[in-house]
């Protein structure tokens, strides 16, 4: 398989009970939410590790020593370059993560996802990377109004995220508008559902691989 000259970037938070997936925790408890977050992160890392990309980076925040599935996560991260998240707010951390990933990997083209879409596969990521090689940027909207993937051919294009309000119903539209305002040609890729609350679980679980950690972690969750 041809290796694509793209850096795959995962922006992740250590799945610490009480700090991870706090909206989900109101339904399944702090430990349950952290276990689900850990499963989603590991499934995501597996997909990125299998994708035919030049380099793989994780921008991480939080203390893995206190996280669920810490040993499994540490082992999986051995296949990645890990950089700390930095910035005053989430928008700054996203923009900085793009720059840090490009610097760490020596490549300006960065394809970034989070840990809320455990249904993502190596094949989906490869398709997004291939789209990125034909455009200045790619954006995949999420069904809650945000976005699940952003790829930029030059990491500096992600600076526009600093002015975009995050975690809102219009974050995806505002991100697209911010890229257009910089004169960036954007290819839209497929929309995915992400996991923020218990109501999101079933839609994501139905399209995950049957043996995925996320499916196992949410088997007893009824929505």
N, C-alpha and C. Protein backbone atom coordinates (compact mmCIF):
# COMPACT_ATOMS: atom_id res chain seq x y z
N UNK A 1 0.85 -1.20 0.00
CA UNK A 1 0.00 0.00 0.00
C UNK A 1 0.88 1.25 0.00
N UNK A 2 0.54 2.21 -0.82
CA UNK A 2 1.30 3.45 -0.91
C UNK A 2 1.19 4.26 0.37
N UNK A 3 2.32 4.71 0.88
CA UNK A 3 2.31 5.56 2.06
C UNK A 3 2.04 6.99 1.63
N UNK A 4 1.04 7.59 2.24
CA UNK A 4 0.63 8.94 1.87
C UNK A 4 1.42 9.98 2.67
N UNK A 5 1.91 11.04 2.02
CA UNK A 5 2.74 12.03 2.70
C UNK A 5 1.91 13.00 3.56
N UNK A 6 1.29 12.43 4.57
CA UNK A 6 0.39 13.16 5.46
C UNK A 6 0.69 12.74 6.90
N UNK A 7 0.61 13.70 7.82
CA UNK A 7 0.75 13.40 9.24
C UNK A 7 -0.66 13.23 9.83
N UNK A 8 -0.93 12.06 10.40
CA UNK A 8 -2.20 11.85 11.09
C UNK A 8 -2.03 12.31 12.53
N UNK A 9 -2.90 13.19 12.95
CA UNK A 9 -2.84 13.80 14.29
C UNK A 9 -4.10 13.46 15.07
N UNK A 10 -3.92 12.91 16.27
CA UNK A 10 -5.03 12.66 17.18
C UNK A 10 -4.91 13.63 18.35
N UNK A 11 -5.94 14.43 18.57
CA UNK A 11 -5.99 15.32 19.72
C UNK A 11 -6.78 14.60 20.81
N UNK A 12 -6.12 14.29 21.92
CA UNK A 12 -6.70 13.39 22.90
C UNK A 12 -6.54 13.92 24.32
N UNK A 13 -7.45 13.43 25.16
CA UNK A 13 -7.43 13.76 26.59
C UNK A 13 -7.34 12.45 27.37
N UNK A 14 -6.46 12.38 28.34
CA UNK A 14 -6.34 11.18 29.14
C UNK A 14 -7.70 10.85 29.78
N UNK A 15 -8.17 9.61 29.65
CA UNK A 15 -9.50 9.26 30.17
C UNK A 15 -9.49 9.05 31.68
N UNK A 16 -9.44 10.15 32.40
CA UNK A 16 -9.40 10.13 33.87
C UNK A 16 -10.82 10.27 34.41
N UNK A 17 -11.26 9.37 35.29
CA UNK A 17 -12.61 9.50 35.87
C UNK A 17 -12.81 10.85 36.53
N UNK A 18 -13.94 11.46 36.21
CA UNK A 18 -14.25 12.78 36.74
C UNK A 18 -13.82 13.91 35.84
N UNK A 19 -12.92 13.62 34.88
CA UNK A 19 -12.43 14.65 33.97
C UNK A 19 -12.76 14.33 32.52
N UNK A 20 -12.98 13.07 32.21
CA UNK A 20 -13.24 12.65 30.83
C UNK A 20 -14.73 12.47 30.60
N UNK A 21 -15.21 12.97 29.45
CA UNK A 21 -16.60 12.76 29.04
C UNK A 21 -17.58 13.12 30.15
N UNK A 22 -17.49 14.36 30.63
CA UNK A 22 -18.29 14.75 31.78
C UNK A 22 -19.79 14.78 31.48
N UNK A 23 -20.15 15.09 30.22
CA UNK A 23 -21.59 15.06 29.89
C UNK A 23 -22.10 13.64 29.85
N UNK A 24 -21.30 12.72 29.37
CA UNK A 24 -21.67 11.31 29.37
C UNK A 24 -21.72 10.79 30.80
N UNK A 25 -20.86 11.29 31.67
CA UNK A 25 -20.79 10.82 33.05
C UNK A 25 -22.07 11.08 33.83
N UNK A 26 -22.84 12.06 33.43
CA UNK A 26 -24.10 12.31 34.13
C UNK A 26 -25.07 11.15 33.98
N UNK A 27 -24.87 10.31 32.97
CA UNK A 27 -25.74 9.15 32.74
C UNK A 27 -25.11 7.84 33.17
N UNK A 28 -23.78 7.70 33.01
CA UNK A 28 -23.14 6.40 33.27
C UNK A 28 -22.13 6.45 34.40
N UNK A 29 -21.96 7.60 35.04
CA UNK A 29 -21.01 7.74 36.13
C UNK A 29 -19.62 8.08 35.63
N UNK A 30 -18.80 8.60 36.55
CA UNK A 30 -17.47 9.05 36.18
C UNK A 30 -16.61 7.90 35.65
N UNK A 31 -16.61 6.76 36.34
CA UNK A 31 -15.78 5.64 35.91
C UNK A 31 -16.29 5.05 34.59
N UNK A 32 -17.62 4.93 34.47
CA UNK A 32 -18.17 4.41 33.22
C UNK A 32 -17.83 5.28 32.03
N UNK A 33 -17.92 6.59 32.22
CA UNK A 33 -17.60 7.52 31.13
C UNK A 33 -16.12 7.43 30.76
N UNK A 34 -15.25 7.31 31.76
CA UNK A 34 -13.81 7.22 31.48
C UNK A 34 -13.47 5.91 30.79
N UNK A 35 -14.14 4.83 31.19
CA UNK A 35 -13.91 3.54 30.51
C UNK A 35 -14.31 3.63 29.03
N UNK A 36 -15.44 4.28 28.76
CA UNK A 36 -15.89 4.45 27.38
C UNK A 36 -14.92 5.34 26.61
N UNK A 37 -14.46 6.41 27.24
CA UNK A 37 -13.49 7.30 26.59
C UNK A 37 -12.20 6.56 26.27
N UNK A 38 -11.75 5.71 27.19
CA UNK A 38 -10.53 4.94 26.95
C UNK A 38 -10.71 3.99 25.77
N UNK A 39 -11.87 3.34 25.71
CA UNK A 39 -12.16 2.43 24.59
C UNK A 39 -12.18 3.18 23.27
N UNK A 40 -12.82 4.36 23.26
CA UNK A 40 -12.89 5.16 22.04
C UNK A 40 -11.50 5.61 21.61
N UNK A 41 -10.67 6.01 22.57
CA UNK A 41 -9.32 6.45 22.24
C UNK A 41 -8.50 5.30 21.66
N UNK A 42 -8.57 4.13 22.27
CA UNK A 42 -7.79 2.99 21.78
C UNK A 42 -8.25 2.54 20.40
N UNK A 43 -9.56 2.53 20.16
CA UNK A 43 -10.05 2.20 18.82
C UNK A 43 -9.55 3.21 17.79
N UNK A 44 -9.55 4.47 18.17
CA UNK A 44 -9.07 5.53 17.27
C UNK A 44 -7.58 5.36 16.97
N UNK A 45 -6.81 5.09 18.00
CA UNK A 45 -5.37 4.91 17.80
C UNK A 45 -5.08 3.69 16.94
N UNK A 46 -5.87 2.63 17.11
CA UNK A 46 -5.70 1.45 16.26
C UNK A 46 -5.92 1.81 14.79
N UNK A 47 -6.97 2.59 14.52
CA UNK A 47 -7.28 2.97 13.14
C UNK A 47 -6.16 3.82 12.55
N UNK A 48 -5.66 4.76 13.33
CA UNK A 48 -4.59 5.63 12.83
C UNK A 48 -3.31 4.83 12.62
N UNK A 49 -3.02 3.90 13.53
CA UNK A 49 -1.81 3.09 13.39
C UNK A 49 -1.85 2.25 12.12
N UNK A 50 -3.06 1.85 11.69
CA UNK A 50 -3.19 1.02 10.49
C UNK A 50 -3.32 1.83 9.21
N UNK A 51 -3.50 3.14 9.32
CA UNK A 51 -3.67 3.97 8.13
C UNK A 51 -2.33 4.16 7.41
N UNK A 52 -2.35 4.23 6.08
CA UNK A 52 -1.10 4.34 5.30
C UNK A 52 -0.59 5.77 5.21
N UNK A 53 -0.21 6.33 6.36
CA UNK A 53 0.27 7.71 6.41
C UNK A 53 1.74 7.74 6.78
N UNK A 54 2.37 8.86 6.50
CA UNK A 54 3.81 8.99 6.70
C UNK A 54 4.18 9.02 8.17
N UNK A 55 3.35 9.67 9.00
CA UNK A 55 3.69 9.82 10.41
C UNK A 55 2.41 9.92 11.23
N UNK A 56 2.56 9.62 12.53
CA UNK A 56 1.40 9.61 13.44
C UNK A 56 1.78 10.34 14.72
N UNK A 57 0.96 11.32 15.09
CA UNK A 57 1.23 12.15 16.26
C UNK A 57 -0.01 12.19 17.14
N UNK A 58 0.20 12.16 18.44
CA UNK A 58 -0.89 12.39 19.40
C UNK A 58 -0.56 13.63 20.20
N UNK A 59 -1.47 14.59 20.21
CA UNK A 59 -1.35 15.76 21.09
C UNK A 59 -2.20 15.45 22.32
N UNK A 60 -1.55 15.28 23.45
CA UNK A 60 -2.20 14.72 24.64
C UNK A 60 -2.24 15.73 25.76
N UNK A 61 -3.38 15.73 26.47
CA UNK A 61 -3.49 16.48 27.72
C UNK A 61 -4.01 15.55 28.79
N UNK A 62 -3.68 15.85 30.04
CA UNK A 62 -4.13 15.03 31.16
C UNK A 62 -3.08 14.05 31.60
N UNK A 63 -3.32 13.44 32.76
CA UNK A 63 -2.35 12.56 33.41
C UNK A 63 -2.71 11.10 33.15
N UNK A 64 -1.91 10.44 32.33
CA UNK A 64 -2.17 9.04 32.04
C UNK A 64 -2.03 8.15 33.27
N UNK A 65 -1.28 8.58 34.27
CA UNK A 65 -1.12 7.77 35.47
C UNK A 65 -2.46 7.54 36.17
N UNK A 66 -3.39 8.48 36.01
CA UNK A 66 -4.70 8.37 36.67
C UNK A 66 -5.79 7.89 35.71
N UNK A 67 -5.42 7.54 34.49
CA UNK A 67 -6.41 7.24 33.45
C UNK A 67 -6.84 5.78 33.49
N UNK A 68 -8.04 5.52 33.00
CA UNK A 68 -8.49 4.16 32.75
C UNK A 68 -7.68 3.57 31.59
N UNK A 69 -7.42 2.27 31.66
CA UNK A 69 -6.68 1.55 30.62
C UNK A 69 -5.33 2.20 30.33
N UNK A 70 -4.70 2.72 31.38
CA UNK A 70 -3.46 3.47 31.19
C UNK A 70 -2.37 2.61 30.55
N UNK A 71 -2.24 1.36 31.00
CA UNK A 71 -1.18 0.50 30.45
C UNK A 71 -1.41 0.23 28.97
N UNK A 72 -2.66 -0.05 28.58
CA UNK A 72 -2.97 -0.30 27.17
C UNK A 72 -2.70 0.94 26.33
N UNK A 73 -3.06 2.10 26.85
CA UNK A 73 -2.86 3.35 26.11
C UNK A 73 -1.37 3.62 25.94
N UNK A 74 -0.60 3.43 26.99
CA UNK A 74 0.84 3.66 26.89
C UNK A 74 1.48 2.74 25.85
N UNK A 75 1.06 1.48 25.84
CA UNK A 75 1.61 0.55 24.85
C UNK A 75 1.26 0.99 23.44
N UNK A 76 0.03 1.42 23.22
CA UNK A 76 -0.39 1.83 21.88
C UNK A 76 0.33 3.10 21.46
N UNK A 77 0.61 3.99 22.40
CA UNK A 77 1.28 5.25 22.07
C UNK A 77 2.74 5.05 21.67
N UNK A 78 3.28 3.87 21.88
CA UNK A 78 4.65 3.61 21.45
C UNK A 78 4.80 3.73 19.93
N UNK A 79 3.68 3.60 19.20
CA UNK A 79 3.72 3.71 17.74
C UNK A 79 3.52 5.15 17.27
N UNK A 80 3.43 6.09 18.21
CA UNK A 80 3.13 7.49 17.89
C UNK A 80 4.21 8.40 18.46
N UNK A 81 4.34 9.58 17.86
CA UNK A 81 5.04 10.67 18.49
C UNK A 81 4.04 11.41 19.36
N UNK A 82 4.34 11.58 20.63
CA UNK A 82 3.41 12.24 21.56
C UNK A 82 3.94 13.62 21.90
N UNK A 83 3.07 14.62 21.73
CA UNK A 83 3.40 16.00 22.09
C UNK A 83 2.35 16.50 23.07
N UNK A 84 2.71 17.38 23.99
CA UNK A 84 1.72 17.92 24.92
C UNK A 84 0.85 18.97 24.25
N UNK A 85 -0.39 19.02 24.64
CA UNK A 85 -1.23 20.12 24.18
C UNK A 85 -0.80 21.39 24.90
N UNK A 86 -0.92 22.50 24.19
CA UNK A 86 -0.56 23.78 24.79
C UNK A 86 -1.51 24.85 24.26
N UNK A 87 -1.85 25.80 25.12
CA UNK A 87 -2.76 26.86 24.72
C UNK A 87 -3.73 27.19 25.82
N UNK A 88 -4.31 28.38 25.73
CA UNK A 88 -5.21 28.87 26.78
C UNK A 88 -6.58 28.21 26.72
N UNK A 89 -7.03 27.88 25.53
CA UNK A 89 -8.35 27.26 25.39
C UNK A 89 -8.27 26.18 24.32
N UNK A 90 -9.40 25.48 24.09
CA UNK A 90 -9.38 24.35 23.17
C UNK A 90 -9.03 24.77 21.76
N UNK A 91 -9.53 25.93 21.33
CA UNK A 91 -9.24 26.40 19.97
C UNK A 91 -7.73 26.63 19.80
N UNK A 92 -7.11 27.25 20.78
CA UNK A 92 -5.66 27.45 20.72
C UNK A 92 -4.92 26.11 20.72
N UNK A 93 -5.38 25.16 21.53
CA UNK A 93 -4.70 23.87 21.61
C UNK A 93 -4.79 23.12 20.28
N UNK A 94 -5.94 23.24 19.60
CA UNK A 94 -6.07 22.61 18.29
C UNK A 94 -5.10 23.22 17.28
N UNK A 95 -5.08 24.53 17.21
CA UNK A 95 -4.19 25.20 16.26
C UNK A 95 -2.73 24.87 16.56
N UNK A 96 -2.36 24.91 17.83
CA UNK A 96 -0.99 24.60 18.21
C UNK A 96 -0.65 23.14 17.92
N UNK A 97 -1.62 22.24 18.09
CA UNK A 97 -1.37 20.82 17.83
C UNK A 97 -1.02 20.59 16.36
N UNK A 98 -1.70 21.30 15.46
CA UNK A 98 -1.35 21.18 14.04
C UNK A 98 0.09 21.61 13.80
N UNK A 99 0.47 22.74 14.38
CA UNK A 99 1.84 23.23 14.19
C UNK A 99 2.85 22.27 14.80
N UNK A 100 2.56 21.76 15.99
CA UNK A 100 3.50 20.87 16.67
C UNK A 100 3.62 19.53 15.95
N UNK A 101 2.50 19.05 15.40
CA UNK A 101 2.55 17.79 14.65
C UNK A 101 3.39 17.94 13.39
N UNK A 102 3.21 19.04 12.69
CA UNK A 102 3.99 19.27 11.47
C UNK A 102 5.48 19.38 11.79
N UNK A 103 5.80 20.06 12.88
CA UNK A 103 7.20 20.21 13.28
C UNK A 103 7.80 18.86 13.67
N UNK A 104 7.05 18.09 14.45
CA UNK A 104 7.55 16.81 14.94
C UNK A 104 7.77 15.82 13.80
N UNK A 105 6.90 15.89 12.79
CA UNK A 105 6.97 14.91 11.71
C UNK A 105 7.69 15.42 10.47
N UNK A 106 8.00 16.72 10.45
CA UNK A 106 8.69 17.27 9.30
C UNK A 106 7.85 17.31 8.04
N UNK A 107 6.54 17.47 8.21
CA UNK A 107 5.63 17.51 7.06
C UNK A 107 4.52 18.49 7.36
N UNK A 108 4.22 19.37 6.40
CA UNK A 108 3.21 20.40 6.64
C UNK A 108 1.78 19.94 6.53
N UNK A 109 1.52 18.82 5.84
CA UNK A 109 0.14 18.35 5.65
C UNK A 109 -0.28 17.53 6.85
N UNK A 110 -1.33 18.00 7.54
CA UNK A 110 -1.78 17.38 8.79
C UNK A 110 -3.25 17.03 8.69
N UNK A 111 -3.59 15.79 9.04
CA UNK A 111 -4.97 15.32 9.08
C UNK A 111 -5.31 15.03 10.53
N UNK A 112 -6.20 15.83 11.11
CA UNK A 112 -6.45 15.77 12.54
C UNK A 112 -7.85 15.25 12.87
N UNK A 113 -7.89 14.33 13.84
CA UNK A 113 -9.16 13.86 14.39
C UNK A 113 -9.07 13.92 15.90
N UNK A 114 -10.22 13.71 16.55
CA UNK A 114 -10.25 13.61 18.00
C UNK A 114 -10.42 12.16 18.42
N UNK A 115 -11.00 11.96 19.60
CA UNK A 115 -11.21 10.61 20.13
C UNK A 115 -12.69 10.33 20.33
N UNK A 116 -13.55 11.09 19.64
CA UNK A 116 -15.00 10.95 19.80
C UNK A 116 -15.65 10.13 18.70
N UNK A 117 -14.86 9.64 17.74
CA UNK A 117 -15.41 8.88 16.62
C UNK A 117 -14.71 7.52 16.52
N UNK A 118 -14.99 6.62 17.47
CA UNK A 118 -14.31 5.32 17.46
C UNK A 118 -14.68 4.44 16.28
N UNK A 119 -15.70 4.85 15.53
CA UNK A 119 -16.08 4.09 14.33
C UNK A 119 -15.17 4.36 13.15
N UNK A 120 -14.28 5.33 13.26
CA UNK A 120 -13.40 5.65 12.14
C UNK A 120 -12.48 4.47 11.87
N UNK A 121 -12.16 4.28 10.61
CA UNK A 121 -11.33 3.15 10.21
C UNK A 121 -10.10 3.65 9.47
N UNK A 122 -9.14 2.74 9.30
CA UNK A 122 -7.95 3.09 8.52
C UNK A 122 -8.33 3.46 7.10
N UNK A 123 -9.34 2.79 6.56
CA UNK A 123 -9.78 3.07 5.19
C UNK A 123 -10.38 4.47 5.08
N UNK A 124 -11.19 4.86 6.06
CA UNK A 124 -11.76 6.21 6.04
C UNK A 124 -10.66 7.25 6.13
N UNK A 125 -9.70 7.02 7.01
CA UNK A 125 -8.60 7.97 7.16
C UNK A 125 -7.77 8.06 5.88
N UNK A 126 -7.54 6.92 5.24
CA UNK A 126 -6.80 6.93 3.98
C UNK A 126 -7.54 7.74 2.92
N UNK A 127 -8.86 7.58 2.85
CA UNK A 127 -9.65 8.35 1.88
C UNK A 127 -9.54 9.85 2.17
N UNK A 128 -9.59 10.22 3.45
CA UNK A 128 -9.47 11.64 3.81
C UNK A 128 -8.08 12.16 3.45
N UNK A 129 -7.05 11.36 3.71
CA UNK A 129 -5.68 11.78 3.37
C UNK A 129 -5.52 11.95 1.87
N UNK A 130 -6.10 11.05 1.10
CA UNK A 130 -6.03 11.17 -0.36
C UNK A 130 -6.74 12.42 -0.84
N UNK A 131 -7.89 12.72 -0.23
CA UNK A 131 -8.60 13.97 -0.56
C UNK A 131 -7.73 15.18 -0.25
N UNK A 132 -7.02 15.12 0.90
CA UNK A 132 -6.19 16.25 1.30
C UNK A 132 -5.07 16.51 0.29
N UNK A 133 -4.56 15.45 -0.31
CA UNK A 133 -3.50 15.62 -1.30
C UNK A 133 -3.99 16.29 -2.58
N UNK A 134 -5.31 16.36 -2.74
CA UNK A 134 -5.90 17.00 -3.92
C UNK A 134 -6.47 18.37 -3.61
N UNK A 135 -6.39 18.80 -2.36
CA UNK A 135 -7.00 20.07 -1.96
C UNK A 135 -6.13 20.77 -0.94
N UNK A 136 -6.46 22.03 -0.67
CA UNK A 136 -5.74 22.73 0.39
C UNK A 136 -6.18 22.26 1.77
N UNK A 137 -7.45 21.87 1.90
CA UNK A 137 -7.95 21.43 3.19
C UNK A 137 -9.13 20.49 2.99
N UNK A 138 -9.35 19.63 3.98
CA UNK A 138 -10.56 18.80 4.02
C UNK A 138 -11.22 19.00 5.38
N UNK A 139 -12.54 18.89 5.39
CA UNK A 139 -13.30 19.05 6.62
C UNK A 139 -14.44 18.05 6.62
N UNK A 140 -14.57 17.32 7.70
CA UNK A 140 -15.68 16.39 7.86
C UNK A 140 -16.57 16.87 8.99
N UNK A 141 -17.79 17.22 8.68
CA UNK A 141 -18.72 17.73 9.69
C UNK A 141 -19.26 16.59 10.54
N UNK A 142 -19.60 16.91 11.78
CA UNK A 142 -20.24 15.97 12.68
C UNK A 142 -21.72 16.28 12.75
N UNK A 143 -22.51 15.27 13.09
CA UNK A 143 -23.95 15.48 13.04
C UNK A 143 -24.48 16.35 14.18
N UNK A 144 -23.62 16.72 15.13
CA UNK A 144 -24.05 17.61 16.21
C UNK A 144 -23.73 19.08 15.89
N UNK A 145 -23.23 19.33 14.67
CA UNK A 145 -22.92 20.69 14.27
C UNK A 145 -21.45 21.03 14.36
N UNK A 146 -20.66 20.14 14.94
CA UNK A 146 -19.21 20.36 14.99
C UNK A 146 -18.53 19.73 13.79
N UNK A 147 -17.29 19.30 13.99
CA UNK A 147 -16.59 18.56 12.94
C UNK A 147 -15.74 17.47 13.58
N UNK A 148 -15.49 16.41 12.81
CA UNK A 148 -14.74 15.28 13.35
C UNK A 148 -13.36 15.14 12.74
N UNK A 149 -13.13 15.74 11.57
CA UNK A 149 -11.81 15.67 10.95
C UNK A 149 -11.52 17.00 10.26
N UNK A 150 -10.26 17.43 10.38
CA UNK A 150 -9.78 18.61 9.67
C UNK A 150 -8.40 18.29 9.13
N UNK A 151 -8.25 18.42 7.84
CA UNK A 151 -6.95 18.24 7.23
C UNK A 151 -6.53 19.52 6.54
N UNK A 152 -5.27 19.90 6.71
CA UNK A 152 -4.75 21.11 6.07
C UNK A 152 -3.43 20.76 5.39
N UNK A 153 -3.23 21.31 4.21
CA UNK A 153 -2.00 21.03 3.48
C UNK A 153 -0.81 21.77 4.05
N UNK A 154 -1.07 22.81 4.82
CA UNK A 154 -0.04 23.54 5.54
C UNK A 154 -0.58 23.83 6.94
N UNK A 155 0.19 23.45 7.95
CA UNK A 155 -0.31 23.55 9.32
C UNK A 155 -0.72 24.97 9.71
N UNK A 156 -0.14 25.98 9.08
CA UNK A 156 -0.48 27.36 9.42
C UNK A 156 -1.94 27.68 9.10
N UNK A 157 -2.55 26.92 8.18
CA UNK A 157 -3.97 27.16 7.88
C UNK A 157 -4.86 26.92 9.09
N UNK A 158 -4.41 26.08 10.02
CA UNK A 158 -5.22 25.80 11.21
C UNK A 158 -5.22 26.95 12.20
N UNK A 159 -4.41 27.97 11.97
CA UNK A 159 -4.44 29.14 12.86
C UNK A 159 -5.81 29.78 12.90
N UNK A 160 -6.59 29.62 11.84
CA UNK A 160 -7.92 30.22 11.81
C UNK A 160 -8.82 29.66 12.90
N UNK A 161 -8.48 28.48 13.44
CA UNK A 161 -9.30 27.88 14.50
C UNK A 161 -9.31 28.72 15.76
N UNK A 162 -8.28 29.54 15.96
CA UNK A 162 -8.18 30.32 17.19
C UNK A 162 -9.37 31.26 17.38
N UNK A 163 -10.00 31.65 16.29
CA UNK A 163 -11.13 32.58 16.37
C UNK A 163 -12.48 31.88 16.29
N UNK A 164 -12.47 30.54 16.24
CA UNK A 164 -13.72 29.78 16.08
C UNK A 164 -14.20 29.30 17.44
N UNK A 165 -15.43 29.65 17.84
CA UNK A 165 -15.98 29.11 19.10
C UNK A 165 -16.16 27.60 18.98
N UNK A 166 -15.69 26.87 19.97
CA UNK A 166 -15.75 25.41 19.94
C UNK A 166 -16.96 24.88 20.73
N UNK A 167 -17.29 23.63 20.44
CA UNK A 167 -18.34 22.90 21.16
C UNK A 167 -19.70 23.60 21.08
N UNK A 168 -20.00 24.11 19.88
CA UNK A 168 -21.30 24.73 19.64
C UNK A 168 -21.95 24.07 18.44
N UNK A 169 -23.24 24.29 18.29
CA UNK A 169 -23.98 23.72 17.18
C UNK A 169 -23.53 24.28 15.83
N UNK A 170 -22.87 25.42 15.85
CA UNK A 170 -22.43 26.02 14.59
C UNK A 170 -20.91 25.99 14.44
N UNK A 171 -20.20 25.21 15.24
CA UNK A 171 -18.74 25.18 15.16
C UNK A 171 -18.27 24.70 13.79
N UNK A 172 -18.93 23.69 13.24
CA UNK A 172 -18.54 23.20 11.92
C UNK A 172 -18.69 24.26 10.85
N UNK A 173 -19.85 24.92 10.85
CA UNK A 173 -20.09 25.97 9.85
C UNK A 173 -19.13 27.13 10.02
N UNK A 174 -18.82 27.49 11.27
CA UNK A 174 -17.91 28.60 11.52
C UNK A 174 -16.47 28.24 11.13
N UNK A 175 -16.10 26.98 11.32
CA UNK A 175 -14.78 26.53 10.89
C UNK A 175 -14.64 26.59 9.38
N UNK A 176 -15.67 26.13 8.69
CA UNK A 176 -15.67 26.20 7.22
C UNK A 176 -15.57 27.65 6.76
N UNK A 177 -16.34 28.53 7.40
CA UNK A 177 -16.31 29.94 7.03
C UNK A 177 -14.93 30.55 7.29
N UNK A 178 -14.31 30.16 8.40
CA UNK A 178 -12.98 30.70 8.73
C UNK A 178 -11.94 30.27 7.71
N UNK A 179 -12.03 29.03 7.25
CA UNK A 179 -11.10 28.56 6.21
C UNK A 179 -11.34 29.30 4.90
N UNK A 180 -12.62 29.44 4.53
CA UNK A 180 -12.93 30.17 3.30
C UNK A 180 -12.44 31.61 3.38
N UNK A 181 -12.56 32.23 4.56
CA UNK A 181 -12.14 33.62 4.72
C UNK A 181 -10.64 33.80 4.50
N UNK A 182 -9.88 32.72 4.71
CA UNK A 182 -8.44 32.76 4.45
C UNK A 182 -8.12 32.39 3.01
N UNK A 183 -9.15 32.17 2.20
CA UNK A 183 -8.94 31.81 0.82
C UNK A 183 -8.55 30.37 0.61
N UNK A 184 -8.88 29.50 1.59
CA UNK A 184 -8.50 28.09 1.52
C UNK A 184 -9.58 27.31 0.77
N UNK A 185 -9.14 26.50 -0.17
CA UNK A 185 -10.04 25.61 -0.91
C UNK A 185 -10.30 24.37 -0.06
N UNK A 186 -11.56 24.13 0.32
CA UNK A 186 -11.91 23.06 1.25
C UNK A 186 -12.74 22.00 0.54
N UNK A 187 -12.31 20.73 0.68
CA UNK A 187 -13.13 19.60 0.24
C UNK A 187 -13.86 19.04 1.45
N UNK A 188 -15.18 18.94 1.35
CA UNK A 188 -15.95 18.33 2.43
C UNK A 188 -15.95 16.82 2.27
N UNK A 189 -15.68 16.11 3.37
CA UNK A 189 -15.74 14.65 3.36
C UNK A 189 -16.94 14.21 4.18
N UNK A 190 -17.14 12.89 4.28
CA UNK A 190 -18.36 12.37 4.87
C UNK A 190 -18.59 12.79 6.31
N UNK A 191 -19.85 12.97 6.65
CA UNK A 191 -20.25 13.33 8.01
C UNK A 191 -20.27 12.09 8.89
N UNK A 192 -19.84 12.23 10.15
CA UNK A 192 -19.91 11.16 11.13
C UNK A 192 -20.58 11.65 12.40
N UNK A 193 -21.15 10.70 13.13
CA UNK A 193 -21.65 11.01 14.47
C UNK A 193 -20.51 10.88 15.46
N UNK A 194 -20.49 11.73 16.48
CA UNK A 194 -19.50 11.58 17.54
C UNK A 194 -20.19 11.35 18.87
N UNK A 195 -19.41 11.02 19.88
CA UNK A 195 -19.95 10.63 21.17
C UNK A 195 -19.66 11.70 22.21
N UNK A 196 -20.71 12.36 22.67
CA UNK A 196 -20.60 13.33 23.75
C UNK A 196 -21.51 12.98 24.93
N UNK A 197 -22.69 12.45 24.62
CA UNK A 197 -23.67 12.11 25.65
C UNK A 197 -24.15 10.68 25.44
N UNK A 198 -24.93 10.18 26.38
CA UNK A 198 -25.43 8.81 26.28
C UNK A 198 -26.33 8.64 25.06
N UNK A 199 -26.99 9.70 24.63
CA UNK A 199 -27.88 9.61 23.47
C UNK A 199 -27.11 9.39 22.17
N UNK A 200 -25.81 9.64 22.18
CA UNK A 200 -25.00 9.47 20.98
C UNK A 200 -24.49 8.03 20.80
N UNK A 201 -24.56 7.25 21.85
CA UNK A 201 -23.87 5.96 21.85
C UNK A 201 -24.41 5.01 20.80
N UNK A 202 -25.71 4.88 20.70
CA UNK A 202 -26.26 3.86 19.82
C UNK A 202 -25.89 4.11 18.35
N UNK A 203 -25.99 5.36 17.91
CA UNK A 203 -25.69 5.67 16.51
C UNK A 203 -24.25 5.33 16.17
N UNK A 204 -23.33 5.56 17.10
CA UNK A 204 -21.93 5.25 16.86
C UNK A 204 -21.68 3.76 16.99
N UNK A 205 -22.25 3.16 18.00
CA UNK A 205 -22.03 1.72 18.24
C UNK A 205 -22.47 0.88 17.06
N UNK A 206 -23.55 1.29 16.39
CA UNK A 206 -24.10 0.50 15.27
C UNK A 206 -23.16 0.45 14.08
N UNK A 207 -22.25 1.42 13.96
CA UNK A 207 -21.35 1.43 12.80
C UNK A 207 -19.90 1.12 13.18
N UNK A 208 -19.67 0.74 14.43
CA UNK A 208 -18.36 0.28 14.84
C UNK A 208 -18.17 -1.17 14.44
N UNK A 209 -16.94 -1.59 14.31
CA UNK A 209 -16.66 -3.01 14.12
C UNK A 209 -17.19 -3.78 15.33
N UNK A 210 -17.73 -4.97 15.07
CA UNK A 210 -18.42 -5.70 16.13
C UNK A 210 -17.53 -6.03 17.32
N UNK A 211 -16.24 -6.21 17.08
CA UNK A 211 -15.33 -6.55 18.16
C UNK A 211 -14.59 -5.37 18.75
N UNK A 212 -15.02 -4.16 18.44
CA UNK A 212 -14.28 -2.99 18.89
C UNK A 212 -14.40 -2.81 20.40
N UNK A 213 -13.43 -2.13 20.95
CA UNK A 213 -13.46 -1.85 22.39
C UNK A 213 -14.67 -1.00 22.75
N UNK A 214 -15.03 -0.06 21.87
CA UNK A 214 -16.17 0.80 22.16
C UNK A 214 -17.45 -0.02 22.26
N UNK A 215 -17.64 -0.96 21.37
CA UNK A 215 -18.81 -1.82 21.44
C UNK A 215 -18.82 -2.60 22.75
N UNK A 216 -17.68 -3.15 23.13
CA UNK A 216 -17.61 -3.91 24.38
C UNK A 216 -17.86 -3.02 25.58
N UNK A 217 -17.30 -1.81 25.56
CA UNK A 217 -17.43 -0.91 26.71
C UNK A 217 -18.84 -0.38 26.89
N UNK A 218 -19.61 -0.35 25.81
CA UNK A 218 -20.96 0.22 25.89
C UNK A 218 -22.05 -0.84 25.79
N UNK A 219 -21.67 -2.10 25.87
CA UNK A 219 -22.64 -3.18 25.66
C UNK A 219 -23.80 -3.10 26.65
N UNK A 220 -23.54 -2.70 27.87
CA UNK A 220 -24.60 -2.66 28.88
C UNK A 220 -25.30 -1.31 28.96
N UNK A 221 -24.87 -0.36 28.13
CA UNK A 221 -25.50 0.97 28.15
C UNK A 221 -26.74 0.94 27.27
N UNK A 222 -27.86 1.25 27.84
CA UNK A 222 -29.12 1.31 27.10
C UNK A 222 -29.53 2.75 26.89
N UNK A 223 -29.88 3.05 25.65
CA UNK A 223 -30.25 4.46 25.34
C UNK A 223 -31.62 4.49 24.70
